[in-house]
PDB file of N, CA and C in Angstrom:
ATOM      1  N   UNK A   1      -3.467 -14.108  -0.860  1.00  0.00           N
ATOM      2  CA  UNK A   1      -3.936 -15.107  -1.788  1.00  0.00           C
ATOM      3  C   UNK A   1      -5.418 -14.838  -2.037  1.00  0.00           C
ATOM      4  N   UNK A   2      -5.775 -14.874  -3.302  1.00  0.00           N
ATOM      5  CA  UNK A   2      -7.175 -14.660  -3.636  1.00  0.00           C
ATOM      6  C   UNK A   2      -7.957 -15.959  -3.516  1.00  0.00           C
ATOM      7  N   UNK A   3      -9.255 -15.816  -3.532  1.00  0.00           N
ATOM      8  CA  UNK A   3     -10.129 -16.982  -3.466  1.00  0.00           C
ATOM      9  C   UNK A   3      -9.862 -17.898  -4.653  1.00  0.00           C
ATOM     10  N   UNK A   4      -9.735 -17.339  -5.844  1.00  0.00           N
ATOM     11  CA  UNK A   4      -9.505 -18.152  -7.040  1.00  0.00           C
ATOM     12  C   UNK A   4      -8.178 -18.911  -6.971  1.00  0.00           C
ATOM     13  N   UNK A   5      -7.150 -18.270  -6.451  1.00  0.00           N
ATOM     14  CA  UNK A   5      -5.860 -18.952  -6.294  1.00  0.00           C
ATOM     15  C   UNK A   5      -5.988 -20.121  -5.321  1.00  0.00           C
ATOM     16  N   UNK A   6      -6.717 -19.913  -4.244  1.00  0.00           N
ATOM     17  CA  UNK A   6      -6.920 -20.958  -3.248  1.00  0.00           C
ATOM     18  C   UNK A   6      -7.682 -22.143  -3.838  1.00  0.00           C
ATOM     19  N   UNK A   7      -8.721 -21.862  -4.593  1.00  0.00           N
ATOM     20  CA  UNK A   7      -9.500 -22.933  -5.229  1.00  0.00           C
ATOM     21  C   UNK A   7      -8.623 -23.715  -6.197  1.00  0.00           C
ATOM     22  N   UNK A   8      -7.794 -23.025  -6.972  1.00  0.00           N
ATOM     23  CA  UNK A   8      -6.900 -23.714  -7.915  1.00  0.00           C
ATOM     24  C   UNK A   8      -5.917 -24.626  -7.187  1.00  0.00           C
ATOM     25  N   UNK A   9      -5.398 -24.180  -6.059  1.00  0.00           N
ATOM     26  CA  UNK A   9      -4.471 -25.005  -5.276  1.00  0.00           C
ATOM     27  C   UNK A   9      -5.183 -26.264  -4.782  1.00  0.00           C
ATOM     28  N   UNK A  10      -6.402 -26.102  -4.272  1.00  0.00           N
ATOM     29  CA  UNK A  10      -7.164 -27.271  -3.804  1.00  0.00           C
ATOM     30  C   UNK A  10      -7.472 -28.229  -4.950  1.00  0.00           C
ATOM     31  N   UNK A  11      -7.840 -27.693  -6.092  1.00  0.00           N
ATOM     32  CA  UNK A  11      -8.149 -28.544  -7.235  1.00  0.00           C
ATOM     33  C   UNK A  11      -6.903 -29.268  -7.738  1.00  0.00           C
ATOM     34  N   UNK A  12      -5.765 -28.587  -7.716  1.00  0.00           N
ATOM     35  CA  UNK A  12      -4.511 -29.234  -8.135  1.00  0.00           C
ATOM     36  C   UNK A  12      -4.146 -30.347  -7.154  1.00  0.00           C
ATOM     37  N   UNK A  13      -4.321 -30.098  -5.890  1.00  0.00           N
ATOM     38  CA  UNK A  13      -4.065 -31.117  -4.865  1.00  0.00           C
ATOM     39  C   UNK A  13      -4.964 -32.320  -5.103  1.00  0.00           C
ATOM     40  N   UNK A  14      -6.186 -32.043  -5.406  1.00  0.00           N
ATOM     41  CA  UNK A  14      -7.158 -33.098  -5.677  1.00  0.00           C
ATOM     42  C   UNK A  14      -6.721 -33.920  -6.895  1.00  0.00           C
ATOM     43  N   UNK A  15      -6.342 -33.243  -7.972  1.00  0.00           N
ATOM     44  CA  UNK A  15      -5.915 -33.929  -9.196  1.00  0.00           C
ATOM     45  C   UNK A  15      -4.617 -34.702  -9.005  1.00  0.00           C
ATOM     46  N   UNK A  16      -3.656 -34.104  -8.304  1.00  0.00           N
ATOM     47  CA  UNK A  16      -2.328 -34.713  -8.139  1.00  0.00           C
ATOM     48  C   UNK A  16      -2.346 -35.931  -7.226  1.00  0.00           C
ATOM     49  N   UNK A  17      -3.239 -35.958  -6.260  1.00  0.00           N
ATOM     50  CA  UNK A  17      -3.174 -37.011  -5.243  1.00  0.00           C
ATOM     51  C   UNK A  17      -4.355 -37.974  -5.235  1.00  0.00           C
ATOM     52  N   UNK A  18      -5.268 -37.812  -6.156  1.00  0.00           N
ATOM     53  CA  UNK A  18      -6.453 -38.668  -6.165  1.00  0.00           C
ATOM     54  C   UNK A  18      -6.091 -40.142  -6.322  1.00  0.00           C
ATOM     55  N   UNK A  19      -5.194 -40.451  -7.244  1.00  0.00           N
ATOM     56  CA  UNK A  19      -4.848 -41.851  -7.491  1.00  0.00           C
ATOM     57  C   UNK A  19      -4.095 -42.454  -6.301  1.00  0.00           C
ATOM     58  N   UNK A  20      -3.164 -41.706  -5.742  1.00  0.00           N
ATOM     59  CA  UNK A  20      -2.409 -42.196  -4.581  1.00  0.00           C
ATOM     60  C   UNK A  20      -3.349 -42.444  -3.398  1.00  0.00           C
ATOM     61  N   UNK A  21      -4.278 -41.531  -3.181  1.00  0.00           N
ATOM     62  CA  UNK A  21      -5.231 -41.708  -2.093  1.00  0.00           C
ATOM     63  C   UNK A  21      -6.099 -42.936  -2.335  1.00  0.00           C
ATOM     64  N   UNK A  22      -6.491 -43.160  -3.575  1.00  0.00           N
ATOM     65  CA  UNK A  22      -7.290 -44.331  -3.922  1.00  0.00           C
ATOM     66  C   UNK A  22      -6.492 -45.606  -3.682  1.00  0.00           C
ATOM     67  N   UNK A  23      -5.217 -45.616  -4.071  1.00  0.00           N
ATOM     68  CA  UNK A  23      -4.348 -46.781  -3.903  1.00  0.00           C
ATOM     69  C   UNK A  23      -4.122 -47.115  -2.433  1.00  0.00           C
ATOM     70  N   UNK A  24      -4.114 -46.114  -1.579  1.00  0.00           N
ATOM     71  CA  UNK A  24      -3.867 -46.322  -0.150  1.00  0.00           C
ATOM     72  C   UNK A  24      -5.136 -46.640   0.634  1.00  0.00           C
ATOM     73  N   UNK A  25      -6.256 -46.676  -0.038  1.00  0.00           N
ATOM     74  CA  UNK A  25      -7.494 -47.069   0.611  1.00  0.00           C
ATOM     75  C   UNK A  25      -8.257 -45.956   1.293  1.00  0.00           C
ATOM     76  N   UNK A  26      -7.801 -44.749   1.183  1.00  0.00           N
ATOM     77  CA  UNK A  26      -8.558 -43.657   1.792  1.00  0.00           C
ATOM     78  C   UNK A  26      -8.964 -42.622   0.746  1.00  0.00           C
ATOM     79  N   UNK A  27      -9.002 -43.044  -0.478  1.00  0.00           N
ATOM     80  CA  UNK A  27      -9.298 -42.158  -1.605  1.00  0.00           C
ATOM     81  C   UNK A  27     -10.631 -41.457  -1.508  1.00  0.00           C
ATOM     82  N   UNK A  28     -11.661 -42.189  -1.171  1.00  0.00           N
ATOM     83  CA  UNK A  28     -12.996 -41.597  -1.150  1.00  0.00           C
ATOM     84  C   UNK A  28     -13.082 -40.469  -0.123  1.00  0.00           C
ATOM     85  N   UNK A  29     -12.597 -40.716   1.082  1.00  0.00           N
ATOM     86  CA  UNK A  29     -12.657 -39.694   2.128  1.00  0.00           C
ATOM     87  C   UNK A  29     -11.781 -38.500   1.811  1.00  0.00           C
ATOM     88  N   UNK A  30     -10.598 -38.770   1.289  1.00  0.00           N
ATOM     89  CA  UNK A  30      -9.663 -37.697   0.934  1.00  0.00           C
ATOM     90  C   UNK A  30     -10.253 -36.838  -0.183  1.00  0.00           C
ATOM     91  N   UNK A  31     -10.733 -37.516  -1.195  1.00  0.00           N
ATOM     92  CA  UNK A  31     -11.304 -36.838  -2.352  1.00  0.00           C
ATOM     93  C   UNK A  31     -12.548 -36.044  -1.957  1.00  0.00           C
ATOM     94  N   UNK A  32     -13.409 -36.633  -1.153  1.00  0.00           N
ATOM     95  CA  UNK A  32     -14.618 -35.946  -0.700  1.00  0.00           C
ATOM     96  C   UNK A  32     -14.275 -34.719   0.150  1.00  0.00           C
ATOM     97  N   UNK A  33     -13.248 -34.850   0.973  1.00  0.00           N
ATOM     98  CA  UNK A  33     -12.822 -33.725   1.804  1.00  0.00           C
ATOM     99  C   UNK A  33     -12.322 -32.560   0.968  1.00  0.00           C
ATOM    100  N   UNK A  34     -11.522 -32.868  -0.053  1.00  0.00           N
ATOM    101  CA  UNK A  34     -11.039 -31.802  -0.928  1.00  0.00           C
ATOM    102  C   UNK A  34     -12.188 -31.187  -1.728  1.00  0.00           C
ATOM    103  N   UNK A  35     -13.107 -32.013  -2.176  1.00  0.00           N
ATOM    104  CA  UNK A  35     -14.285 -31.502  -2.887  1.00  0.00           C
ATOM    105  C   UNK A  35     -15.066 -30.532  -1.999  1.00  0.00           C
ATOM    106  N   UNK A  36     -15.247 -30.929  -0.747  1.00  0.00           N
ATOM    107  CA  UNK A  36     -15.972 -30.084   0.199  1.00  0.00           C
ATOM    108  C   UNK A  36     -15.220 -28.763   0.432  1.00  0.00           C
ATOM    109  N   UNK A  37     -13.894 -28.835   0.553  1.00  0.00           N
ATOM    110  CA  UNK A  37     -13.091 -27.627   0.753  1.00  0.00           C
ATOM    111  C   UNK A  37     -13.199 -26.698  -0.454  1.00  0.00           C
ATOM    112  N   UNK A  38     -13.195 -27.250  -1.655  1.00  0.00           N
ATOM    113  CA  UNK A  38     -13.353 -26.434  -2.864  1.00  0.00           C
ATOM    114  C   UNK A  38     -14.724 -25.763  -2.863  1.00  0.00           C
ATOM    115  N   UNK A  39     -15.768 -26.509  -2.529  1.00  0.00           N
ATOM    116  CA  UNK A  39     -17.118 -25.930  -2.478  1.00  0.00           C
ATOM    117  C   UNK A  39     -17.185 -24.773  -1.489  1.00  0.00           C
ATOM    118  N   UNK A  40     -16.607 -24.955  -0.305  1.00  0.00           N
ATOM    119  CA  UNK A  40     -16.620 -23.890   0.693  1.00  0.00           C
ATOM    120  C   UNK A  40     -15.837 -22.675   0.217  1.00  0.00           C
ATOM    121  N   UNK A  41     -14.666 -22.915  -0.366  1.00  0.00           N
ATOM    122  CA  UNK A  41     -13.827 -21.810  -0.834  1.00  0.00           C
ATOM    123  C   UNK A  41     -14.526 -21.010  -1.922  1.00  0.00           C
ATOM    124  N   UNK A  42     -15.247 -21.676  -2.787  1.00  0.00           N
ATOM    125  CA  UNK A  42     -15.943 -20.969  -3.861  1.00  0.00           C
ATOM    126  C   UNK A  42     -17.077 -20.097  -3.329  1.00  0.00           C
ATOM    127  N   UNK A  43     -17.561 -20.376  -2.145  1.00  0.00           N
ATOM    128  CA  UNK A  43     -18.643 -19.597  -1.555  1.00  0.00           C
ATOM    129  C   UNK A  43     -18.136 -18.373  -0.783  1.00  0.00           C
ATOM    130  N   UNK A  44     -16.821 -18.298  -0.571  1.00  0.00           N
ATOM    131  CA  UNK A  44     -16.263 -17.163   0.157  1.00  0.00           C
ATOM    132  C   UNK A  44     -16.494 -15.873  -0.624  1.00  0.00           C
ATOM    133  N   UNK A  45     -16.728 -14.803   0.094  1.00  0.00           N
ATOM    134  CA  UNK A  45     -16.880 -13.496  -0.532  1.00  0.00           C
ATOM    135  C   UNK A  45     -15.526 -12.819  -0.581  1.00  0.00           C
ATOM    136  N   UNK A  46     -15.237 -12.222  -1.711  1.00  0.00           N
ATOM    137  CA  UNK A  46     -14.044 -11.392  -1.818  1.00  0.00           C
ATOM    138  C   UNK A  46     -14.324 -10.081  -1.084  1.00  0.00           C
ATOM    139  N   UNK A  47     -13.291  -9.488  -0.459  1.00  0.00           N
ATOM    140  CA  UNK A  47     -13.516  -8.187   0.170  1.00  0.00           C
ATOM    141  C   UNK A  47     -13.993  -7.179  -0.878  1.00  0.00           C
ATOM    142  N   UNK A  48     -14.939  -6.366  -0.507  1.00  0.00           N
ATOM    143  CA  UNK A  48     -15.473  -5.377  -1.427  1.00  0.00           C
ATOM    144  C   UNK A  48     -14.570  -4.151  -1.453  1.00  0.00           C
ATOM    145  N   UNK A  49     -14.421  -3.600  -2.632  1.00  0.00           N
ATOM    146  CA  UNK A  49     -13.660  -2.366  -2.761  1.00  0.00           C
ATOM    147  C   UNK A  49     -14.513  -1.218  -2.229  1.00  0.00           C
ATOM    148  N   UNK A  50     -13.870  -0.336  -1.494  1.00  0.00           N
ATOM    149  CA  UNK A  50     -14.576   0.829  -0.961  1.00  0.00           C
ATOM    150  C   UNK A  50     -14.527   1.960  -1.983  1.00  0.00           C
ATOM    151  N   UNK A  51     -15.389   2.916  -1.812  1.00  0.00           N
ATOM    152  CA  UNK A  51     -15.437   4.078  -2.694  1.00  0.00           C
ATOM    153  C   UNK A  51     -14.867   5.267  -1.926  1.00  0.00           C
ATOM    154  N   UNK A  52     -13.858   5.888  -2.529  1.00  0.00           N
ATOM    155  CA  UNK A  52     -13.188   7.015  -1.873  1.00  0.00           C
ATOM    156  C   UNK A  52     -13.176   8.222  -2.812  1.00  0.00           C
ATOM    157  N   UNK A  53     -13.008   9.420  -2.240  1.00  0.00           N
ATOM    158  CA  UNK A  53     -12.900  10.623  -3.078  1.00  0.00           C
ATOM    159  C   UNK A  53     -11.614  10.601  -3.902  1.00  0.00           C
ATOM    160  N   UNK A  54     -11.608  11.336  -4.994  1.00  0.00           N
ATOM    161  CA  UNK A  54     -10.439  11.398  -5.876  1.00  0.00           C
ATOM    162  C   UNK A  54      -9.192  11.867  -5.126  1.00  0.00           C
ATOM    163  N   UNK A  55      -9.329  12.847  -4.247  1.00  0.00           N
ATOM    164  CA  UNK A  55      -8.151  13.354  -3.548  1.00  0.00           C
ATOM    165  C   UNK A  55      -7.510  12.287  -2.668  1.00  0.00           C
ATOM    166  N   UNK A  56      -8.297  11.364  -2.132  1.00  0.00           N
ATOM    167  CA  UNK A  56      -7.747  10.277  -1.318  1.00  0.00           C
ATOM    168  C   UNK A  56      -7.014   9.281  -2.216  1.00  0.00           C
ATOM    169  N   UNK A  57      -7.582   8.990  -3.376  1.00  0.00           N
ATOM    170  CA  UNK A  57      -6.895   8.118  -4.337  1.00  0.00           C
ATOM    171  C   UNK A  57      -5.567   8.735  -4.735  1.00  0.00           C
ATOM    172  N   UNK A  58      -5.544  10.050  -4.908  1.00  0.00           N
ATOM    173  CA  UNK A  58      -4.293  10.748  -5.238  1.00  0.00           C
ATOM    174  C   UNK A  58      -3.277  10.603  -4.109  1.00  0.00           C
ATOM    175  N   UNK A  59      -3.739  10.710  -2.856  1.00  0.00           N
ATOM    176  CA  UNK A  59      -2.850  10.531  -1.707  1.00  0.00           C
ATOM    177  C   UNK A  59      -2.228   9.133  -1.731  1.00  0.00           C
ATOM    178  N   UNK A  60      -3.073   8.132  -1.953  1.00  0.00           N
ATOM    179  CA  UNK A  60      -2.590   6.746  -1.941  1.00  0.00           C
ATOM    180  C   UNK A  60      -1.550   6.545  -3.036  1.00  0.00           C
ATOM    181  N   UNK A  61      -1.829   7.041  -4.226  1.00  0.00           N
ATOM    182  CA  UNK A  61      -0.894   6.870  -5.346  1.00  0.00           C
ATOM    183  C   UNK A  61       0.416   7.603  -5.072  1.00  0.00           C
ATOM    184  N   UNK A  62       0.334   8.794  -4.506  1.00  0.00           N
ATOM    185  CA  UNK A  62       1.544   9.548  -4.170  1.00  0.00           C
ATOM    186  C   UNK A  62       2.350   8.816  -3.093  1.00  0.00           C
ATOM    187  N   UNK A  63       1.666   8.280  -2.109  1.00  0.00           N
ATOM    188  CA  UNK A  63       2.336   7.552  -1.036  1.00  0.00           C
ATOM    189  C   UNK A  63       2.981   6.270  -1.566  1.00  0.00           C
ATOM    190  N   UNK A  64       2.329   5.611  -2.541  1.00  0.00           N
ATOM    191  CA  UNK A  64       2.915   4.408  -3.137  1.00  0.00           C
ATOM    192  C   UNK A  64       4.209   4.750  -3.849  1.00  0.00           C
ATOM    193  N   UNK A  65       4.253   5.883  -4.518  1.00  0.00           N
ATOM    194  CA  UNK A  65       5.493   6.318  -5.167  1.00  0.00           C
ATOM    195  C   UNK A  65       6.575   6.581  -4.129  1.00  0.00           C
ATOM    196  N   UNK A  66       6.182   7.193  -3.028  1.00  0.00           N
ATOM    197  CA  UNK A  66       7.101   7.499  -1.936  1.00  0.00           C
ATOM    198  C   UNK A  66       7.700   6.223  -1.344  1.00  0.00           C
ATOM    199  N   UNK A  67       6.886   5.168  -1.269  1.00  0.00           N
ATOM    200  CA  UNK A  67       7.358   3.922  -0.660  1.00  0.00           C
ATOM    201  C   UNK A  67       7.818   2.902  -1.700  1.00  0.00           C
ATOM    202  N   UNK A  68       8.213   3.366  -2.882  1.00  0.00           N
ATOM    203  CA  UNK A  68       8.772   2.467  -3.879  1.00  0.00           C
ATOM    204  C   UNK A  68       7.716   1.726  -4.683  1.00  0.00           C
ATOM    205  N   UNK A  69       6.558   2.342  -4.861  1.00  0.00           N
ATOM    206  CA  UNK A  69       5.451   1.777  -5.637  1.00  0.00           C
ATOM    207  C   UNK A  69       4.979   0.433  -5.108  1.00  0.00           C
ATOM    208  N   UNK A  70       5.154   0.214  -3.836  1.00  0.00           N
ATOM    209  CA  UNK A  70       4.651  -0.991  -3.180  1.00  0.00           C
ATOM    210  C   UNK A  70       3.366  -0.642  -2.441  1.00  0.00           C
ATOM    211  N   UNK A  71       2.506  -1.614  -2.308  1.00  0.00           N
ATOM    212  CA  UNK A  71       1.322  -1.407  -1.483  1.00  0.00           C
ATOM    213  C   UNK A  71       1.723  -1.773  -0.065  1.00  0.00           C
ATOM    214  N   UNK A  72       2.260  -0.802   0.622  1.00  0.00           N
ATOM    215  CA  UNK A  72       2.749  -0.964   1.985  1.00  0.00           C
ATOM    216  C   UNK A  72       1.853  -0.128   2.898  1.00  0.00           C
ATOM    217  N   UNK A  73       0.844  -0.764   3.507  1.00  0.00           N
ATOM    218  CA  UNK A  73      -0.126   0.024   4.284  1.00  0.00           C
ATOM    219  C   UNK A  73       0.503   0.921   5.336  1.00  0.00           C
ATOM    220  N   UNK A  74       1.458   0.413   6.089  1.00  0.00           N
ATOM    221  CA  UNK A  74       2.060   1.254   7.124  1.00  0.00           C
ATOM    222  C   UNK A  74       2.892   2.377   6.520  1.00  0.00           C
ATOM    223  N   UNK A  75       3.567   2.095   5.413  1.00  0.00           N
ATOM    224  CA  UNK A  75       4.331   3.134   4.729  1.00  0.00           C
ATOM    225  C   UNK A  75       3.427   4.236   4.211  1.00  0.00           C
ATOM    226  N   UNK A  76       2.282   3.845   3.683  1.00  0.00           N
ATOM    227  CA  UNK A  76       1.329   4.828   3.177  1.00  0.00           C
ATOM    228  C   UNK A  76       0.802   5.686   4.322  1.00  0.00           C
ATOM    229  N   UNK A  77       0.453   5.051   5.425  1.00  0.00           N
ATOM    230  CA  UNK A  77      -0.058   5.800   6.576  1.00  0.00           C
ATOM    231  C   UNK A  77       1.029   6.718   7.148  1.00  0.00           C
ATOM    232  N   UNK A  78       2.250   6.205   7.237  1.00  0.00           N
ATOM    233  CA  UNK A  78       3.368   7.017   7.744  1.00  0.00           C
ATOM    234  C   UNK A  78       3.563   8.251   6.856  1.00  0.00           C
ATOM    235  N   UNK A  79       3.556   8.022   5.549  1.00  0.00           N
ATOM    236  CA  UNK A  79       3.719   9.126   4.605  1.00  0.00           C
ATOM    237  C   UNK A  79       2.623  10.170   4.813  1.00  0.00           C
ATOM    238  N   UNK A  80       1.397   9.712   4.933  1.00  0.00           N
ATOM    239  CA  UNK A  80       0.285  10.640   5.091  1.00  0.00           C
ATOM    240  C   UNK A  80       0.372  11.421   6.400  1.00  0.00           C
ATOM    241  N   UNK A  81       0.840  10.748   7.456  1.00  0.00           N
ATOM    242  CA  UNK A  81       0.995  11.429   8.732  1.00  0.00           C
ATOM    243  C   UNK A  81       2.004  12.563   8.656  1.00  0.00           C
ATOM    244  N   UNK A  82       3.072  12.357   7.879  1.00  0.00           N
ATOM    245  CA  UNK A  82       4.076  13.398   7.692  1.00  0.00           C
ATOM    246  C   UNK A  82       3.632  14.456   6.693  1.00  0.00           C
ATOM    247  N   UNK A  83       2.813  14.061   5.771  1.00  0.00           N
ATOM    248  CA  UNK A  83       2.445  14.893   4.634  1.00  0.00           C
ATOM    249  C   UNK A  83       1.411  15.958   4.985  1.00  0.00           C
ATOM    250  N   UNK A  84       0.490  15.654   5.879  1.00  0.00           N
ATOM    251  CA  UNK A  84      -0.623  16.551   6.136  1.00  0.00           C
ATOM    252  C   UNK A  84      -0.318  17.569   7.209  1.00  0.00           C
ATOM    253  N   UNK A  85      -0.873  18.720   7.004  1.00  0.00           N
ATOM    254  CA  UNK A  85      -0.829  19.760   8.030  1.00  0.00           C
ATOM    255  C   UNK A  85      -2.218  20.386   8.101  1.00  0.00           C
ATOM    256  N   UNK A  86      -2.422  21.186   9.090  1.00  0.00           N
ATOM    257  CA  UNK A  86      -3.748  21.787   9.271  1.00  0.00           C
ATOM    258  C   UNK A  86      -4.085  22.759   8.148  1.00  0.00           C
ATOM    259  N   UNK A  87      -3.112  23.106   7.312  1.00  0.00           N
ATOM    260  CA  UNK A  87      -3.389  24.005   6.193  1.00  0.00           C
ATOM    261  C   UNK A  87      -3.883  23.252   4.959  1.00  0.00           C
ATOM    262  N   UNK A  88      -3.796  21.946   4.983  1.00  0.00           N
ATOM    263  CA  UNK A  88      -4.270  21.143   3.857  1.00  0.00           C
ATOM    264  C   UNK A  88      -5.788  21.274   3.749  1.00  0.00           C
ATOM    265  N   UNK A  89      -6.326  21.440   2.542  1.00  0.00           N
ATOM    266  CA  UNK A  89      -7.782  21.607   2.413  1.00  0.00           C
ATOM    267  C   UNK A  89      -8.588  20.372   2.835  1.00  0.00           C
ATOM    268  N   UNK A  90      -7.951  19.227   2.883  1.00  0.00           N
ATOM    269  CA  UNK A  90      -8.663  18.005   3.256  1.00  0.00           C
ATOM    270  C   UNK A  90      -8.221  17.483   4.628  1.00  0.00           C
ATOM    271  N   UNK A  91      -7.648  18.369   5.414  1.00  0.00           N
ATOM    272  CA  UNK A  91      -7.148  18.009   6.747  1.00  0.00           C
ATOM    273  C   UNK A  91      -8.230  17.374   7.612  1.00  0.00           C
ATOM    274  N   UNK A  92      -9.404  17.954   7.605  1.00  0.00           N
ATOM    275  CA  UNK A  92     -10.497  17.436   8.440  1.00  0.00           C
ATOM    276  C   UNK A  92     -10.902  16.023   8.018  1.00  0.00           C
ATOM    277  N   UNK A  93     -10.815  15.716   6.719  1.00  0.00           N
ATOM    278  CA  UNK A  93     -11.214  14.394   6.227  1.00  0.00           C
ATOM    279  C   UNK A  93     -10.350  13.303   6.854  1.00  0.00           C
ATOM    280  N   UNK A  94      -9.048  13.493   6.870  1.00  0.00           N
ATOM    281  CA  UNK A  94      -8.130  12.448   7.333  1.00  0.00           C
ATOM    282  C   UNK A  94      -8.206  12.256   8.842  1.00  0.00           C
ATOM    283  N   UNK A  95      -8.633  13.247   9.582  1.00  0.00           N
ATOM    284  CA  UNK A  95      -8.678  13.106  11.032  1.00  0.00           C
ATOM    285  C   UNK A  95     -10.026  12.624  11.566  1.00  0.00           C
ATOM    286  N   UNK A  96     -10.952  12.329  10.672  1.00  0.00           N
ATOM    287  CA  UNK A  96     -12.213  11.711  11.057  1.00  0.00           C
ATOM    288  C   UNK A  96     -11.984  10.198  11.166  1.00  0.00           C
ATOM    289  N   UNK A  97     -12.345   9.594  12.280  1.00  0.00           N
ATOM    290  CA  UNK A  97     -12.051   8.184  12.537  1.00  0.00           C
ATOM    291  C   UNK A  97     -12.693   7.258  11.498  1.00  0.00           C
ATOM    292  N   UNK A  98     -13.895   7.574  11.057  1.00  0.00           N
ATOM    293  CA  UNK A  98     -14.551   6.749  10.039  1.00  0.00           C
ATOM    294  C   UNK A  98     -13.810   6.829   8.705  1.00  0.00           C
ATOM    295  N   UNK A  99     -13.303   7.998   8.392  1.00  0.00           N
ATOM    296  CA  UNK A  99     -12.527   8.156   7.166  1.00  0.00           C
ATOM    297  C   UNK A  99     -11.192   7.425   7.259  1.00  0.00           C
ATOM    298  N   UNK A 100     -10.603   7.377   8.438  1.00  0.00           N
ATOM    299  CA  UNK A 100      -9.364   6.627   8.622  1.00  0.00           C
ATOM    300  C   UNK A 100      -9.598   5.143   8.369  1.00  0.00           C
ATOM    301  N   UNK A 101     -10.728   4.634   8.871  1.00  0.00           N
ATOM    302  CA  UNK A 101     -11.075   3.231   8.626  1.00  0.00           C
ATOM    303  C   UNK A 101     -11.298   2.984   7.137  1.00  0.00           C
ATOM    304  N   UNK A 102     -11.968   3.921   6.485  1.00  0.00           N
ATOM    305  CA  UNK A 102     -12.203   3.823   5.048  1.00  0.00           C
ATOM    306  C   UNK A 102     -10.871   3.808   4.291  1.00  0.00           C
ATOM    307  N   UNK A 103      -9.953   4.657   4.689  1.00  0.00           N
ATOM    308  CA  UNK A 103      -8.637   4.722   4.060  1.00  0.00           C
ATOM    309  C   UNK A 103      -7.883   3.403   4.220  1.00  0.00           C
ATOM    310  N   UNK A 104      -7.875   2.854   5.425  1.00  0.00           N
ATOM    311  CA  UNK A 104      -7.190   1.572   5.649  1.00  0.00           C
ATOM    312  C   UNK A 104      -7.828   0.454   4.834  1.00  0.00           C
ATOM    313  N   UNK A 105      -9.136   0.442   4.761  1.00  0.00           N
ATOM    314  CA  UNK A 105      -9.837  -0.554   3.966  1.00  0.00           C
ATOM    315  C   UNK A 105      -9.470  -0.401   2.491  1.00  0.00           C
ATOM    316  N   UNK A 106      -9.397   0.828   2.010  1.00  0.00           N
ATOM    317  CA  UNK A 106      -9.032   1.086   0.612  1.00  0.00           C
ATOM    318  C   UNK A 106      -7.622   0.583   0.314  1.00  0.00           C
ATOM    319  N   UNK A 107      -6.705   0.815   1.238  1.00  0.00           N
ATOM    320  CA  UNK A 107      -5.325   0.375   1.036  1.00  0.00           C
ATOM    321  C   UNK A 107      -5.248  -1.146   1.051  1.00  0.00           C
ATOM    322  N   UNK A 108      -5.972  -1.775   1.953  1.00  0.00           N
ATOM    323  CA  UNK A 108      -5.891  -3.226   2.110  1.00  0.00           C
ATOM    324  C   UNK A 108      -6.643  -3.993   1.027  1.00  0.00           C
ATOM    325  N   UNK A 109      -7.819  -3.494   0.614  1.00  0.00           N
ATOM    326  CA  UNK A 109      -8.693  -4.276  -0.262  1.00  0.00           C
ATOM    327  C   UNK A 109      -8.930  -3.668  -1.631  1.00  0.00           C
ATOM    328  N   UNK A 110      -8.312  -2.550  -1.894  1.00  0.00           N
ATOM    329  CA  UNK A 110      -8.542  -1.880  -3.162  1.00  0.00           C
ATOM    330  C   UNK A 110      -9.679  -0.884  -3.042  1.00  0.00           C
ATOM    331  N   UNK A 111      -9.815  -0.056  -4.052  1.00  0.00           N
ATOM    332  CA  UNK A 111     -10.811   1.000  -3.980  1.00  0.00           C
ATOM    333  C   UNK A 111     -11.281   1.396  -5.371  1.00  0.00           C
ATOM    334  N   UNK A 112     -12.386   2.096  -5.364  1.00  0.00           N
ATOM    335  CA  UNK A 112     -12.914   2.749  -6.549  1.00  0.00           C
ATOM    336  C   UNK A 112     -13.051   4.214  -6.199  1.00  0.00           C
ATOM    337  N   UNK A 113     -12.902   5.060  -7.209  1.00  0.00           N
ATOM    338  CA  UNK A 113     -13.023   6.494  -6.986  1.00  0.00           C
ATOM    339  C   UNK A 113     -14.471   6.902  -7.208  1.00  0.00           C
ATOM    340  N   UNK A 114     -14.999   7.686  -6.252  1.00  0.00           N
ATOM    341  CA  UNK A 114     -16.388   8.113  -6.369  1.00  0.00           C
ATOM    342  C   UNK A 114     -16.552   9.081  -7.525  1.00  0.00           C
ATOM    343  N   UNK A 115     -17.741   9.049  -8.118  1.00  0.00           N
ATOM    344  CA  UNK A 115     -18.057   9.966  -9.200  1.00  0.00           C
ATOM    345  C   UNK A 115     -18.205  11.350  -8.635  1.00  0.00           C
ATOM    346  N   UNK A 116     -17.733  12.308  -9.379  1.00  0.00           N
ATOM    347  CA  UNK A 116     -17.824  13.710  -8.942  1.00  0.00           C
ATOM    348  C   UNK A 116     -19.244  14.191  -9.020  1.00  0.00           C
TER     349      UNK A 116
END
């Protein structure tokens, strides 16, 4: 769920139940609580997209096709584990621990391709 979706749900809850909460005598506290929750949610930061090399973006897209065009992080990692061999020109990139973290972040939060 994105931040915007969460804020919309809170605002809808606020709109749908404001009158009932007022009628039951706890309207002000209920309404203020939802207002506060909306304010906090709007301040949340969205995860930042990481920047990856073009060849890594190609790997991710190929792996998504392999796993039925779903963003399945474990499926993508499994595919890559089977796909790479020491003869691959980018073999060293995938076995660097920092690059593995970058790859997982790209799969989970989206990515941008670095300029050549």
